[in-house]
């Protein structure tokens, strides 16, 4: 969780297995997805985001998580 929405870069140094990352805006809607983010690589989404949720590699596809999906209801806290 970050204080505001902006574009930020991520790296996978010292992470030795692939993951998916879901990037969410302030309304907790997915604005970008990085699937199978490999160890020792960089990624910068092209859109601003406030939250980054790291999940097991393949989960985004398996669960149908894509841009526009809202992950949390208004009563849940992230």
C-alpha atoms as a PDB file:
ATOM      1  CA  UNK A   1       0.000   0.000   0.000  1.00  0.00           C
ATOM      2  CA  UNK A   2       1.310   3.421  -0.924  1.00  0.00           C
ATOM      3  CA  UNK A   3       0.264   6.917   0.167  1.00  0.00           C
ATOM      4  CA  UNK A   4      -0.933   7.927  -3.297  1.00  0.00           C
ATOM      5  CA  UNK A   5      -1.423   6.770  -6.854  1.00  0.00           C
ATOM      6  CA  UNK A   6       1.632   7.027  -9.067  1.00  0.00           C
ATOM      7  CA  UNK A   7       3.731   4.955 -11.430  1.00  0.00           C
ATOM      8  CA  UNK A   8       6.402   2.951  -9.598  1.00  0.00           C
ATOM      9  CA  UNK A   9       8.903   0.311 -10.664  1.00  0.00           C
ATOM     10  CA  UNK A  10       9.200  -3.156  -9.153  1.00  0.00           C
ATOM     11  CA  UNK A  11      12.087  -5.589  -9.189  1.00  0.00           C
ATOM     12  CA  UNK A  12      12.415  -9.255  -8.345  1.00  0.00           C
ATOM     13  CA  UNK A  13      15.881  -9.295  -6.819  1.00  0.00           C
ATOM     14  CA  UNK A  14      16.231 -11.964  -4.130  1.00  0.00           C
ATOM     15  CA  UNK A  15      12.888 -13.537  -5.055  1.00  0.00           C
ATOM     16  CA  UNK A  16      13.633 -16.923  -6.544  1.00  0.00           C
ATOM     17  CA  UNK A  17      10.260 -17.925  -8.023  1.00  0.00           C
ATOM     18  CA  UNK A  18       7.786 -16.217 -10.387  1.00  0.00           C
ATOM     19  CA  UNK A  19       4.708 -14.384  -9.061  1.00  0.00           C
ATOM     20  CA  UNK A  20       1.783 -12.366 -10.411  1.00  0.00           C
ATOM     21  CA  UNK A  21       1.308  -8.784  -9.249  1.00  0.00           C
ATOM     22  CA  UNK A  22      -2.057  -7.023  -9.345  1.00  0.00           C
ATOM     23  CA  UNK A  23      -1.859  -3.225  -9.391  1.00  0.00           C
ATOM     24  CA  UNK A  24      -4.936  -1.448  -7.965  1.00  0.00           C
ATOM     25  CA  UNK A  25      -6.097   2.157  -7.937  1.00  0.00           C
ATOM     26  CA  UNK A  26      -7.521   3.961  -4.902  1.00  0.00           C
ATOM     27  CA  UNK A  27     -10.931   2.408  -5.597  1.00  0.00           C
ATOM     28  CA  UNK A  28      -9.306  -1.062  -5.409  1.00  0.00           C
ATOM     29  CA  UNK A  29      -9.893  -1.833  -9.073  1.00  0.00           C
ATOM     30  CA  UNK A  30      -7.181  -3.587 -11.053  1.00  0.00           C
ATOM     31  CA  UNK A  31      -5.432  -1.127 -13.391  1.00  0.00           C
ATOM     32  CA  UNK A  32      -2.559  -3.433 -14.452  1.00  0.00           C
ATOM     33  CA  UNK A  33      -1.509  -7.058 -14.084  1.00  0.00           C
ATOM     34  CA  UNK A  34       1.995  -8.481 -14.346  1.00  0.00           C
ATOM     35  CA  UNK A  35       1.744 -12.239 -14.795  1.00  0.00           C
ATOM     36  CA  UNK A  36       4.659 -14.607 -14.224  1.00  0.00           C
ATOM     37  CA  UNK A  37       7.012 -11.869 -13.008  1.00  0.00           C
ATOM     38  CA  UNK A  38      10.328 -13.675 -13.209  1.00  0.00           C
ATOM     39  CA  UNK A  39      13.211 -13.562 -10.704  1.00  0.00           C
ATOM     40  CA  UNK A  40      15.903 -10.935 -11.288  1.00  0.00           C
ATOM     41  CA  UNK A  41      13.776  -8.785 -13.625  1.00  0.00           C
ATOM     42  CA  UNK A  42      12.197  -5.304 -13.505  1.00  0.00           C
ATOM     43  CA  UNK A  43       8.667  -4.150 -14.344  1.00  0.00           C
ATOM     44  CA  UNK A  44       7.065  -0.711 -14.504  1.00  0.00           C
ATOM     45  CA  UNK A  45       3.309  -0.533 -15.139  1.00  0.00           C
ATOM     46  CA  UNK A  46       2.269   2.192 -17.569  1.00  0.00           C
ATOM     47  CA  UNK A  47      -0.440   3.441 -15.198  1.00  0.00           C
ATOM     48  CA  UNK A  48      -0.505   4.938 -11.718  1.00  0.00           C
ATOM     49  CA  UNK A  49      -1.559   2.650  -8.861  1.00  0.00           C
ATOM     50  CA  UNK A  50      -1.899   2.768  -5.077  1.00  0.00           C
ATOM     51  CA  UNK A  51      -1.846  -0.914  -4.118  1.00  0.00           C
ATOM     52  CA  UNK A  52       0.266  -3.834  -5.316  1.00  0.00           C
ATOM     53  CA  UNK A  53      -0.943  -7.318  -4.432  1.00  0.00           C
ATOM     54  CA  UNK A  54       1.510 -10.177  -4.925  1.00  0.00           C
ATOM     55  CA  UNK A  55      -0.024 -13.606  -5.563  1.00  0.00           C
ATOM     56  CA  UNK A  56       1.113 -17.024  -6.759  1.00  0.00           C
ATOM     57  CA  UNK A  57       2.134 -17.183 -10.411  1.00  0.00           C
ATOM     58  CA  UNK A  58      -0.832 -18.180 -12.545  1.00  0.00           C
ATOM     59  CA  UNK A  59      -3.490 -17.080 -10.056  1.00  0.00           C
ATOM     60  CA  UNK A  60      -4.515 -14.003 -12.068  1.00  0.00           C
ATOM     61  CA  UNK A  61      -5.340 -16.140 -15.105  1.00  0.00           C
ATOM     62  CA  UNK A  62      -6.860 -18.961 -13.046  1.00  0.00           C
ATOM     63  CA  UNK A  63      -9.244 -16.575 -11.240  1.00  0.00           C
ATOM     64  CA  UNK A  64      -9.947 -14.349 -14.253  1.00  0.00           C
ATOM     65  CA  UNK A  65      -8.416 -11.281 -12.604  1.00  0.00           C
ATOM     66  CA  UNK A  66      -8.026  -8.576 -15.244  1.00  0.00           C
ATOM     67  CA  UNK A  67      -8.047  -4.819 -15.657  1.00  0.00           C
ATOM     68  CA  UNK A  68     -11.287  -3.399 -14.271  1.00  0.00           C
ATOM     69  CA  UNK A  69     -11.892  -6.173 -11.728  1.00  0.00           C
ATOM     70  CA  UNK A  70     -12.682  -4.816  -8.266  1.00  0.00           C
ATOM     71  CA  UNK A  71     -10.939  -6.945  -5.650  1.00  0.00           C
ATOM     72  CA  UNK A  72     -12.452  -5.729  -2.408  1.00  0.00           C
ATOM     73  CA  UNK A  73     -15.919  -4.606  -1.401  1.00  0.00           C
ATOM     74  CA  UNK A  74     -16.361  -1.179   0.136  1.00  0.00           C
ATOM     75  CA  UNK A  75     -16.563  -2.786   3.594  1.00  0.00           C
ATOM     76  CA  UNK A  76     -13.238  -4.609   3.371  1.00  0.00           C
ATOM     77  CA  UNK A  77      -9.993  -2.919   4.275  1.00  0.00           C
ATOM     78  CA  UNK A  78      -6.784  -3.315   2.362  1.00  0.00           C
END
